[in-house]
Amino acid sequence: MSTPIDIKVGQFNVLTVNRKVDFGLYMDDGKEGILLPKRFAPQGIQIGDAISVFIYHDSDNRLIATTQEPFAVVGDIAAL
């Protein structure tokens, strides 16, 4: 584990992959890690690679990362 990183929920964050599991990758947040599900992981990504991911809370209030582009980020005004 490293020093805790200031994660901005509802925005894009540049995070580093710190471990792989069957169902995705864990991004380094300085704590237990933030899951990037396998379906959102870029092809060929490896441990140690840094990528920009959008961070949000899932239905169980866990932090999740995605590479999908949201309709809006925190602070934006968007017609949905």
Protein backbone atom coordinates (compact mmCIF):
# COMPACT_ATOMS: atom_id res chain seq x y z
CA MET A 1 0.00 0.00 0.00
CA SER A 2 1.08 3.53 -0.66
CA THR A 3 0.10 6.93 0.65
CA PRO A 4 -3.67 7.56 0.38
CA ILE A 5 -4.57 9.41 -2.81
CA ASP A 6 -7.14 12.22 -2.94
CA ILE A 7 -9.85 10.52 -5.01
CA LYS A 8 -12.42 12.81 -6.61
CA VAL A 9 -15.70 10.90 -6.87
CA GLY A 10 -17.80 11.91 -9.88
CA GLN A 11 -14.72 13.01 -11.81
CA PHE A 12 -11.86 11.51 -13.79
CA ASN A 13 -8.75 10.50 -11.82
CA VAL A 14 -5.41 9.21 -13.12
CA LEU A 15 -4.72 6.02 -11.19
CA THR A 16 -2.18 3.20 -11.45
CA VAL A 17 -3.06 -0.48 -11.76
CA ASN A 18 -1.70 -2.26 -8.68
CA ARG A 19 -3.14 -5.78 -9.09
CA LYS A 20 -5.11 -8.02 -11.43
CA VAL A 21 -7.94 -10.37 -10.44
CA ASP A 22 -10.21 -12.62 -12.52
CA PHE A 23 -12.99 -10.03 -12.63
CA GLY A 24 -10.91 -6.91 -13.30
CA LEU A 25 -8.12 -4.69 -12.05
CA TYR A 26 -7.61 -2.84 -8.81
CA MET A 27 -6.48 0.76 -9.15
CA ASP A 28 -4.14 2.15 -6.48
CA ASP A 29 -5.92 4.56 -4.14
CA GLY A 30 -3.41 4.11 -1.30
CA LYS A 31 -5.88 1.88 0.56
CA GLU A 32 -7.59 -1.37 -0.52
CA GLY A 33 -7.89 -0.31 -4.18
CA ILE A 34 -10.73 0.69 -6.50
CA LEU A 35 -12.10 -1.97 -8.84
CA LEU A 36 -12.00 -1.41 -12.60
CA PRO A 37 -14.24 -4.22 -13.90
CA LYS A 38 -12.72 -6.37 -16.65
CA ARG A 39 -15.22 -5.17 -19.29
CA PHE A 40 -13.96 -1.57 -18.88
CA ALA A 41 -10.22 -2.38 -18.82
CA PRO A 42 -8.27 -1.29 -21.92
CA GLN A 43 -6.75 -4.12 -23.96
CA GLY A 44 -3.17 -4.89 -22.94
CA ILE A 45 -3.14 -2.90 -19.69
CA GLN A 46 -0.54 -4.13 -17.19
CA ILE A 47 0.28 -3.67 -13.51
CA GLY A 48 2.02 -0.31 -13.10
CA ASP A 49 0.20 1.37 -16.00
CA ALA A 50 -1.53 4.67 -15.18
CA ILE A 51 -4.84 5.50 -16.89
CA SER A 52 -7.62 8.03 -16.53
CA VAL A 53 -10.75 6.51 -14.98
CA PHE A 54 -14.09 7.92 -13.87
CA ILE A 55 -14.86 7.13 -10.21
CA TYR A 56 -18.39 6.55 -8.90
CA HIS A 57 -20.24 4.72 -6.11
CA ASP A 58 -22.04 1.46 -6.95
CA SER A 59 -25.35 0.35 -5.39
CA ASP A 60 -23.46 -0.95 -2.32
CA ASN A 61 -21.66 2.41 -1.92
CA ARG A 62 -18.28 0.96 -3.01
CA LEU A 63 -16.00 3.04 -5.21
CA ILE A 64 -15.83 1.73 -8.78
CA ALA A 65 -13.70 2.88 -11.73
CA THR A 66 -14.74 2.93 -15.38
CA THR A 67 -13.21 4.07 -18.64
CA GLN A 68 -16.66 4.89 -20.03
CA GLU A 69 -17.38 8.55 -20.68
CA PRO A 70 -20.27 9.79 -18.48
CA PHE A 71 -22.92 12.21 -19.74
CA ALA A 72 -21.71 14.70 -17.13
CA VAL A 73 -19.24 14.96 -14.26
CA VAL A 74 -19.65 16.65 -10.89
CA GLY A 75 -20.08 20.38 -11.45
CA ASP A 76 -21.44 20.04 -15.03
CA ILE A 77 -24.93 20.98 -16.08
CA ALA A 78 -26.36 18.48 -18.56
CA ALA A 79 -29.75 17.77 -20.07
CA LEU A 80 -30.43 14.10 -19.55
